[in-house]
Amino acid sequence: MNRKPRIERRAVPAVEAGWPPSVHPLLRRIFAARGIVAPEEVDHRLTALLAPAQLGGVGRACELLGTALCADAPIVVVGDFDCDGATGTAVAVRGLCMFGARQVEYGVPNRFTHGYGLSPALVEELVARSPRLCDGGLLITVDNGVAANAGVAAAKARGLRVIVTDHHLPGAALPDADAMVNPNLAGDAFPSKALAGVGVMFYLLVALRAHLRARGWFSGRGVPEPDLSPLLDLVALGTVADLVPLDRNNRILVDAGLKCIRARRSCPGIVALLDAGKRDPARVVARDLGFVVGPRINAAGRLEDIRLGIECLLTDDTARARQLAAQLSAINHERRDLQANMVEQAQASVENWLARHGADSLPVGIVLFEPEWHHGVVGLVASKLKERFNRPVIACAPAGESSDEIKAATRWRPG
């Protein structure tokens, strides 16, 4: 049996006319292979971004946020435990503070106790921590919520208004949120479906600025409109780390964020994480975000608490940022060692099966379980095994030391 991944040649789109003579035909073909077929698509100026008004639900979300700001109501941002969720949470908190919000906090589910997304248990924890949320408070999800029917219902039962911002595909039934912003909802007219969760949150802030401008929020207070471009370093990081397609719109966001970092206008946390990975911020490229910074933040969500990563991205204290970056680097080293050992065990199990049953005996899918595995890393194990054996893989581990349940991650590649 051939266990090597199958390599298929993709069709290259036809190159459009209009390229200047200085662009060699070979370079045009390389661009086309990456989906860039017209000269204007290499224009990465921010003015070329898609308009926020095209994003469904953004108008209603801005109304709710504007009302909350005017009433000085408490706002809680609920993120996710990966890099996209962490950067999106940081963008939301930083951005809302730029608009003058004084009661902004955040909460994130713990992978080990809450599971994914906004849950009723997380809502109860947030309300217990900040009882004022029940008095006209606003809850905003970032990078999650489109499937949080029970969590949204629990929040509304507690008197909170709920805005869901997400980019994941919806299920059969949507939660009963007060507003929902997600380019992948059925019928949404936003041309790009590739926004990461942090990108959706950034777009909402851009739309909110226009909404507040129209309401006279800034002129009435005699304050300048906030410049949201300093948030683009976080947008670039979350977009690259989440592995969403880099269509033109995302390329513009990432390019602007990289320029922000190279110009030393990035938040101290990203600079500290680059330094911890021995990367020069002045020469940073997208690969550094995806393979140096992102894994350090993701490791906290896998093994410890993603709040370490969020705090690193929120602090403006350079010394504090370095301290948190060192903690995140140590956790990431632990994650890499753990992952290497688990992958080695998993591959050995499959090889033993093949040795006993024959080279062509591997079934159409692989399910693996080891009692000493860490369930925060099983998704990475499943990914490695899927690539190695070209099969759907389900990797399982105990849900906790005192639990009889198991948690599993699956990775599947069609064809």
Protein backbone atom coordinates (compact mmCIF):
# COMPACT_ATOMS: atom_id res chain seq x y z
CA MET A 1 0.00 0.00 0.00
CA ASN A 2 1.27 3.47 -0.87
CA ARG A 3 0.90 5.60 2.26
CA LYS A 4 2.39 8.75 0.77
CA PRO A 5 0.02 11.73 0.38
CA ARG A 6 -1.36 12.11 -3.09
CA ILE A 7 -0.08 15.17 -4.94
CA GLU A 8 -2.45 16.76 -7.41
CA ARG A 9 -1.64 19.61 -9.79
CA ARG A 10 -4.03 22.51 -9.47
CA ALA A 11 -5.40 24.24 -12.53
CA VAL A 12 -3.81 27.66 -12.99
CA PRO A 13 -6.35 30.43 -13.69
CA ALA A 14 -6.02 32.38 -16.90
CA VAL A 15 -3.92 35.50 -16.50
CA GLU A 16 -5.86 38.67 -17.24
CA ALA A 17 -4.52 41.38 -19.52
CA GLY A 18 -3.37 44.70 -18.16
CA TRP A 19 -0.10 43.73 -16.51
CA PRO A 20 2.66 46.25 -17.23
CA PRO A 21 5.50 45.03 -19.49
CA SER A 22 7.90 45.15 -16.52
CA VAL A 23 6.12 42.12 -14.96
CA HIS A 24 7.66 39.01 -16.53
CA PRO A 25 5.21 36.39 -17.89
CA LEU A 26 6.65 33.80 -15.50
CA LEU A 27 5.94 36.07 -12.55
CA ARG A 28 2.40 36.61 -13.85
CA ARG A 29 1.90 32.84 -13.93
CA ILE A 30 3.24 32.51 -10.37
CA PHE A 31 0.79 35.20 -9.27
CA ALA A 32 -2.03 33.39 -11.08
CA ALA A 33 -1.19 30.11 -9.35
CA ARG A 34 -1.82 31.94 -6.09
CA GLY A 35 -5.11 33.37 -7.27
CA ILE A 36 -3.77 36.77 -8.31
CA VAL A 37 -4.81 37.24 -11.93
CA ALA A 38 -5.11 41.02 -12.31
CA PRO A 39 -2.69 43.88 -11.56
CA GLU A 40 -5.00 45.58 -9.07
CA GLU A 41 -4.91 42.50 -6.84
CA VAL A 42 -1.32 43.24 -5.84
CA ASP A 43 -2.39 46.63 -4.48
CA HIS A 44 -2.25 46.16 -0.70
CA ARG A 45 -3.23 49.67 0.35
CA LEU A 46 -5.79 49.78 3.16
CA THR A 47 -8.06 51.87 0.96
CA ALA A 48 -8.59 48.73 -1.13
CA LEU A 49 -10.22 46.84 1.76
CA LEU A 50 -13.79 45.69 1.32
CA ALA A 51 -16.33 48.04 2.87
CA PRO A 52 -17.52 47.12 6.40
CA ALA A 53 -21.09 48.07 5.48
CA GLN A 54 -21.24 44.99 3.26
CA LEU A 55 -20.93 42.73 6.29
CA GLY A 56 -24.30 41.42 7.40
CA GLY A 57 -25.53 42.28 10.90
CA VAL A 58 -22.92 44.96 11.42
CA GLY A 59 -25.48 47.78 11.56
CA ARG A 60 -27.46 46.23 14.39
CA ALA A 61 -24.26 45.34 16.27
CA CYS A 62 -23.09 48.97 16.03
CA GLU A 63 -26.42 50.20 17.39
CA LEU A 64 -26.07 47.92 20.42
CA LEU A 65 -22.46 48.93 21.01
CA GLY A 66 -23.27 52.61 20.59
CA THR A 67 -26.07 52.35 23.14
CA ALA A 68 -23.78 50.52 25.58
CA LEU A 69 -21.09 53.19 25.22
CA CYS A 70 -23.57 56.02 25.77
CA ALA A 71 -24.92 54.30 28.89
CA ASP A 72 -21.45 53.40 30.15
CA ALA A 73 -22.74 49.84 30.41
CA PRO A 74 -20.45 46.94 31.30
CA ILE A 75 -19.16 44.99 28.30
CA VAL A 76 -17.62 41.52 28.37
CA VAL A 77 -15.77 39.99 25.44
CA VAL A 78 -15.84 36.19 25.20
CA GLY A 79 -13.01 34.81 23.10
CA ASP A 80 -11.64 31.40 22.23
CA PHE A 81 -8.61 29.44 23.39
CA ASP A 82 -6.56 29.65 20.20
CA CYS A 83 -4.45 32.42 18.65
CA ASP A 84 -7.32 33.74 16.52
CA GLY A 85 -9.53 33.96 19.58
CA ALA A 86 -6.76 35.52 21.70
CA THR A 87 -5.90 38.19 19.15
CA GLY A 88 -9.59 38.86 18.50
CA THR A 89 -10.19 39.33 22.21
CA ALA A 90 -7.24 41.73 22.45
CA VAL A 91 -8.48 43.68 19.41
CA ALA A 92 -11.96 43.95 20.93
CA VAL A 93 -10.75 45.08 24.36
CA ARG A 94 -8.18 47.54 23.00
CA GLY A 95 -10.55 48.87 20.37
CA LEU A 96 -13.50 49.43 22.69
CA CYS A 97 -11.23 51.24 25.14
CA MET A 98 -10.14 53.50 22.27
CA PHE A 99 -13.80 54.45 21.85
CA GLY A 100 -14.07 55.41 25.50
CA ALA A 101 -15.55 52.26 27.03
CA ARG A 102 -14.63 52.21 30.72
CA GLN A 103 -16.11 48.90 31.82
CA VAL A 104 -14.63 46.33 29.45
CA GLU A 105 -13.44 42.92 30.54
CA TYR A 106 -12.97 39.59 28.86
CA GLY A 107 -13.57 35.93 29.54
CA VAL A 108 -12.48 32.82 27.71
CA PRO A 109 -13.51 29.20 28.12
CA ASN A 110 -11.01 26.84 29.65
CA ARG A 111 -10.36 23.92 27.30
CA PHE A 112 -10.37 21.48 30.21
CA THR A 113 -13.45 22.63 32.12
CA HIS A 114 -15.76 24.47 29.71
CA GLY A 115 -15.05 23.02 26.29
CA TYR A 116 -15.36 25.17 23.20
CA GLY A 117 -17.14 28.49 22.94
CA LEU A 118 -19.76 30.32 24.97
CA SER A 119 -21.44 27.86 27.33
CA PRO A 120 -24.01 28.27 30.12
CA ALA A 121 -21.30 27.39 32.66
CA LEU A 122 -19.05 30.17 31.36
CA VAL A 123 -21.95 32.63 31.46
CA GLU A 124 -22.55 31.81 35.13
CA GLU A 125 -18.87 32.35 35.92
CA LEU A 126 -18.86 35.72 34.16
CA VAL A 127 -22.00 36.87 35.96
CA ALA A 128 -20.67 35.72 39.32
CA ARG A 129 -17.48 37.68 38.70
CA SER A 130 -19.30 40.82 37.51
CA PRO A 131 -22.92 40.93 38.73
CA ARG A 132 -23.42 44.32 37.02
CA LEU A 133 -23.48 42.53 33.68
CA CYS A 134 -27.06 41.54 34.44
CA ASP A 135 -28.04 45.22 34.60
CA GLY A 136 -27.97 46.16 30.92
CA GLY A 137 -24.62 44.56 30.18
CA LEU A 138 -23.45 43.56 26.73
CA LEU A 139 -21.69 40.32 25.81
CA ILE A 140 -19.67 40.05 22.57
CA THR A 141 -18.28 36.77 21.32
CA VAL A 142 -15.14 36.67 19.18
CA ASP A 143 -14.22 33.69 16.99
CA ASN A 144 -17.08 31.66 18.45
CA GLY A 145 -20.80 31.81 19.10
CA VAL A 146 -22.43 30.75 15.84
CA ALA A 147 -23.17 27.36 17.42
CA ALA A 148 -23.56 28.55 21.03
CA ASN A 149 -27.34 28.24 21.18
CA ALA A 150 -27.42 27.23 24.85
CA GLY A 151 -24.77 29.77 25.88
CA VAL A 152 -26.53 32.67 24.17
CA ALA A 153 -29.85 31.62 25.71
CA ALA A 154 -28.24 31.50 29.16
CA ALA A 155 -26.75 34.97 28.73
CA LYS A 156 -30.06 36.47 27.60
CA ALA A 157 -31.88 34.78 30.46
CA ARG A 158 -29.49 36.63 32.76
CA GLY A 159 -30.45 39.95 31.19
CA LEU A 160 -27.46 40.45 28.90
CA ARG A 161 -27.66 41.58 25.32
CA VAL A 162 -25.55 39.42 23.04
CA ILE A 163 -23.58 40.17 19.89
CA VAL A 164 -22.07 37.14 18.16
CA THR A 165 -19.04 37.75 15.96
CA ASP A 166 -17.70 34.62 14.33
CA HIS A 167 -16.41 33.24 11.04
CA HIS A 168 -17.24 29.55 11.41
CA LEU A 169 -19.93 27.84 9.37
CA PRO A 170 -23.37 27.84 11.03
CA GLY A 171 -25.31 24.77 12.04
CA ALA A 172 -28.93 23.94 11.36
CA ALA A 173 -30.21 26.47 13.92
CA LEU A 174 -28.70 29.83 14.84
CA PRO A 175 -28.56 31.14 18.42
CA ASP A 176 -31.06 33.82 19.35
CA ALA A 177 -28.48 36.62 19.59
CA ASP A 178 -29.41 40.30 19.49
CA ALA A 179 -26.99 40.72 16.58
CA MET A 180 -24.83 38.34 14.60
CA VAL A 181 -21.85 39.29 12.42
CA ASN A 182 -20.44 36.42 10.38
CA PRO A 183 -19.57 36.54 6.68
CA ASN A 184 -20.32 32.84 6.37
CA LEU A 185 -23.97 33.03 7.31
CA ALA A 186 -26.36 32.02 4.56
CA GLY A 187 -27.18 34.98 2.36
CA ASP A 188 -24.49 37.27 3.75
CA ALA A 189 -23.34 39.64 0.98
CA PHE A 190 -19.77 40.20 2.19
CA PRO A 191 -17.57 39.23 -0.79
CA SER A 192 -14.81 37.59 1.26
CA LYS A 193 -15.69 34.50 3.25
CA ALA A 194 -12.09 34.05 4.43
CA LEU A 195 -12.00 36.53 7.32
CA ALA A 196 -10.61 35.08 10.53
CA GLY A 197 -12.40 35.75 13.80
CA VAL A 198 -10.02 38.62 14.56
CA GLY A 199 -10.74 40.06 11.11
CA VAL A 200 -14.49 40.05 11.77
CA MET A 201 -13.92 41.87 15.07
CA PHE A 202 -11.68 44.46 13.42
CA TYR A 203 -14.30 45.09 10.76
CA LEU A 204 -16.93 45.61 13.43
CA LEU A 205 -14.73 48.24 15.11
CA VAL A 206 -14.22 50.06 11.81
CA ALA A 207 -17.98 50.08 11.27
CA LEU A 208 -18.54 51.22 14.87
CA ARG A 209 -16.25 54.21 14.33
CA ALA A 210 -18.35 55.31 11.35
CA HIS A 211 -21.54 54.74 13.36
CA LEU A 212 -20.30 56.83 16.28
CA ARG A 213 -19.11 59.54 13.91
CA ALA A 214 -22.63 59.78 12.48
CA ARG A 215 -24.06 60.00 16.00
CA GLY A 216 -21.73 62.88 16.85
CA TRP A 217 -19.98 60.82 19.51
CA PHE A 218 -16.54 62.28 18.87
CA SER A 219 -17.49 65.86 18.03
CA GLY A 220 -19.83 66.06 21.01
CA ARG A 221 -17.02 65.08 23.35
CA GLY A 222 -14.34 67.06 21.62
CA VAL A 223 -12.14 63.99 21.15
CA PRO A 224 -10.44 62.82 17.97
CA GLU A 225 -11.57 59.69 16.20
CA PRO A 226 -9.34 56.78 17.20
CA ASP A 227 -6.80 55.47 14.73
CA LEU A 228 -7.49 51.73 14.51
CA SER A 229 -4.36 50.93 12.47
CA PRO A 230 -2.32 50.08 15.61
CA LEU A 231 -4.59 47.02 15.97
CA LEU A 232 -3.49 45.60 12.61
CA ASP A 233 -0.49 43.78 14.08
CA LEU A 234 -2.93 41.67 16.09
CA VAL A 235 -5.18 41.21 13.06
CA ALA A 236 -2.25 39.98 10.98
CA LEU A 237 -1.12 37.57 13.70
CA GLY A 238 -4.56 36.00 14.19
CA THR A 239 -5.22 35.77 10.46
CA VAL A 240 -1.94 34.01 9.70
CA ALA A 241 -2.07 31.74 12.74
CA ASP A 242 -5.62 30.57 11.95
CA LEU A 243 -4.56 29.38 8.48
CA VAL A 244 -7.50 31.04 6.73
CA PRO A 245 -7.10 31.55 2.96
CA LEU A 246 -5.07 34.66 2.17
CA ASP A 247 -7.40 36.15 -0.38
CA ARG A 248 -6.86 39.74 -1.44
CA ASN A 249 -8.69 41.22 1.52
CA ASN A 250 -6.73 39.15 4.02
CA ARG A 251 -3.47 39.89 2.22
CA ILE A 252 -4.17 43.60 2.69
CA LEU A 253 -4.79 43.11 6.41
CA VAL A 254 -1.69 40.96 6.89
CA ASP A 255 0.53 43.26 4.84
CA ALA A 256 -0.58 46.27 6.89
CA GLY A 257 0.01 44.40 10.15
CA LEU A 258 3.50 43.31 9.11
CA LYS A 259 4.37 46.90 8.19
CA CYS A 260 3.16 47.99 11.62
CA ILE A 261 5.46 45.49 13.32
CA ARG A 262 8.46 46.33 11.13
CA ALA A 263 7.99 50.01 11.93
CA ARG A 264 8.17 49.23 15.67
CA ARG A 265 4.54 50.29 16.14
CA SER A 266 3.45 46.89 17.40
CA CYS A 267 2.15 46.04 20.85
CA PRO A 268 4.89 45.03 23.35
CA GLY A 269 3.56 41.46 23.51
CA ILE A 270 4.17 40.67 19.84
CA VAL A 271 7.63 42.26 20.01
CA ALA A 272 8.46 40.20 23.11
CA LEU A 273 7.25 36.97 21.50
CA LEU A 274 9.33 37.67 18.39
CA ASP A 275 12.36 38.36 20.58
CA ALA A 276 11.74 35.11 22.46
CA GLY A 277 11.82 33.31 19.12
CA LYS A 278 15.00 35.17 18.10
CA ARG A 279 13.28 37.05 15.28
CA ASP A 280 14.00 40.66 14.39
CA PRO A 281 10.72 42.63 14.37
CA ALA A 282 12.19 44.97 11.74
CA ARG A 283 12.44 42.02 9.32
CA VAL A 284 9.36 40.05 10.31
CA VAL A 285 7.48 38.05 7.66
CA ALA A 286 4.21 36.13 7.78
CA ARG A 287 6.07 32.88 8.44
CA ASP A 288 7.36 34.31 11.72
CA LEU A 289 3.80 34.98 12.85
CA GLY A 290 2.68 31.49 11.87
CA PHE A 291 5.61 29.48 13.21
CA VAL A 292 7.10 31.59 16.02
CA VAL A 293 4.46 33.81 17.63
CA GLY A 294 1.25 31.88 16.97
CA PRO A 295 2.40 28.53 18.43
CA ARG A 296 3.50 30.21 21.66
CA ILE A 297 0.02 31.63 22.17
CA ASN A 298 -1.74 28.45 21.06
CA ALA A 299 0.35 26.39 23.50
CA ALA A 300 -1.14 28.28 26.43
CA GLY A 301 -4.63 27.32 25.29
CA ARG A 302 -3.60 23.69 24.82
CA LEU A 303 -1.75 23.08 28.07
CA GLU A 304 -2.44 25.95 30.48
CA ASP A 305 -4.73 28.98 30.18
CA ILE A 306 -5.07 31.13 27.05
CA ARG A 307 -5.40 34.16 29.31
CA LEU A 308 -1.60 34.17 29.56
CA GLY A 309 -1.49 34.82 25.82
CA ILE A 310 -4.24 37.44 25.93
CA GLU A 311 -2.56 39.30 28.78
CA CYS A 312 0.68 39.29 26.81
CA LEU A 313 -1.15 40.93 23.89
CA LEU A 314 -2.99 43.43 26.10
CA THR A 315 -0.19 44.74 28.28
CA ASP A 316 1.57 47.98 27.39
CA ASP A 317 4.33 47.28 29.92
CA THR A 318 7.44 46.05 28.10
CA ALA A 319 8.85 44.23 31.14
CA ARG A 320 5.54 42.49 31.79
CA ALA A 321 5.31 41.50 28.12
CA ARG A 322 8.77 39.92 28.26
CA GLN A 323 7.88 38.02 31.40
CA LEU A 324 4.70 36.62 29.83
CA ALA A 325 6.52 35.83 26.56
CA ALA A 326 9.07 33.80 28.53
CA GLN A 327 6.24 31.86 30.21
CA LEU A 328 4.57 31.23 26.87
CA SER A 329 7.85 30.06 25.34
CA ALA A 330 8.36 27.58 28.19
CA ILE A 331 4.83 26.23 27.73
CA ASN A 332 5.44 25.90 24.00
CA HIS A 333 8.65 23.93 24.60
CA GLU A 334 6.65 21.60 26.83
CA ARG A 335 3.99 21.29 24.13
CA ARG A 336 6.56 20.41 21.47
CA ASP A 337 8.15 17.71 23.63
CA LEU A 338 4.74 16.30 24.51
CA GLN A 339 3.63 16.36 20.89
CA ALA A 340 6.81 14.66 19.66
CA ASN A 341 6.41 11.83 22.18
CA MET A 342 2.73 11.35 21.39
CA VAL A 343 3.30 11.37 17.63
CA GLU A 344 6.11 8.85 18.03
CA GLN A 345 3.85 6.56 20.07
CA ALA A 346 1.01 6.94 17.56
CA GLN A 347 3.20 6.16 14.56
CA ALA A 348 4.68 3.16 16.36
CA SER A 349 1.18 1.83 17.04
CA VAL A 350 0.24 2.05 13.38
CA GLU A 351 3.54 0.52 12.25
CA ASN A 352 3.04 -2.38 14.68
CA TRP A 353 -0.41 -2.94 13.20
CA LEU A 354 1.05 -3.06 9.72
CA ALA A 355 3.80 -5.43 10.82
CA ARG A 356 1.24 -7.83 12.28
CA HIS A 357 -1.45 -7.61 9.60
CA GLY A 358 0.43 -6.76 6.41
CA ALA A 359 1.36 -3.62 4.49
CA ASP A 360 -2.05 -3.37 2.79
CA SER A 361 -4.13 -3.93 5.92
CA LEU A 362 -4.59 -0.35 7.06
CA PRO A 363 -8.33 0.44 7.31
CA VAL A 364 -9.99 3.46 5.76
CA GLY A 365 -9.76 5.33 9.07
CA ILE A 366 -7.47 5.26 12.10
CA VAL A 367 -8.55 5.61 15.75
CA LEU A 368 -5.85 5.90 18.41
CA PHE A 369 -5.95 6.11 22.20
CA GLU A 370 -3.28 6.11 24.89
CA PRO A 371 -4.15 6.57 28.58
CA GLU A 372 -1.16 8.87 29.21
CA TRP A 373 -1.82 11.25 26.30
CA HIS A 374 -2.77 14.89 26.88
CA HIS A 375 -6.10 15.79 25.33
CA GLY A 376 -4.94 19.31 24.55
CA VAL A 377 -2.49 17.93 21.97
CA VAL A 378 -4.51 15.14 20.31
CA GLY A 379 -5.52 17.42 17.45
CA LEU A 380 -1.87 17.92 16.52
CA VAL A 381 -1.29 14.17 16.69
CA ALA A 382 -4.25 13.52 14.42
CA SER A 383 -2.91 16.07 11.91
CA LYS A 384 0.54 14.45 11.80
CA LEU A 385 -0.89 10.95 11.37
CA LYS A 386 -3.31 12.10 8.67
CA GLU A 387 -0.40 13.48 6.66
CA ARG A 388 1.75 10.41 7.26
CA PHE A 389 -0.80 7.74 6.36
CA ASN A 390 -3.25 9.67 4.15
CA ARG A 391 -6.22 8.49 6.20
CA PRO A 392 -8.87 10.12 8.39
CA VAL A 393 -7.56 10.00 11.97
CA ILE A 394 -9.28 10.23 15.35
CA ALA A 395 -6.87 10.68 18.27
CA CYS A 396 -8.23 10.23 21.79
CA ALA A 397 -7.01 10.94 25.32
CA PRO A 398 -8.51 10.93 28.83
CA ALA A 399 -10.56 14.04 29.51
CA GLY A 400 -8.88 14.46 32.89
CA GLU A 401 -7.09 12.61 35.66
CA SER A 402 -10.29 11.95 37.62
CA SER A 403 -12.63 11.53 34.66
CA ASP A 404 -13.87 8.38 32.95
CA GLU A 405 -14.56 10.34 29.77
CA ILE A 406 -12.28 10.73 26.79
CA LYS A 407 -11.79 13.67 24.46
CA ALA A 408 -11.03 13.20 20.80
CA ALA A 409 -9.88 15.20 17.81
CA THR A 410 -10.40 14.21 14.21
CA ARG A 411 -8.56 15.28 11.08
CA TRP A 412 -9.93 14.40 7.68
CA ARG A 413 -8.79 15.04 4.14
CA PRO A 414 -11.23 14.05 1.37
CA GLY A 415 -10.08 12.01 -1.57
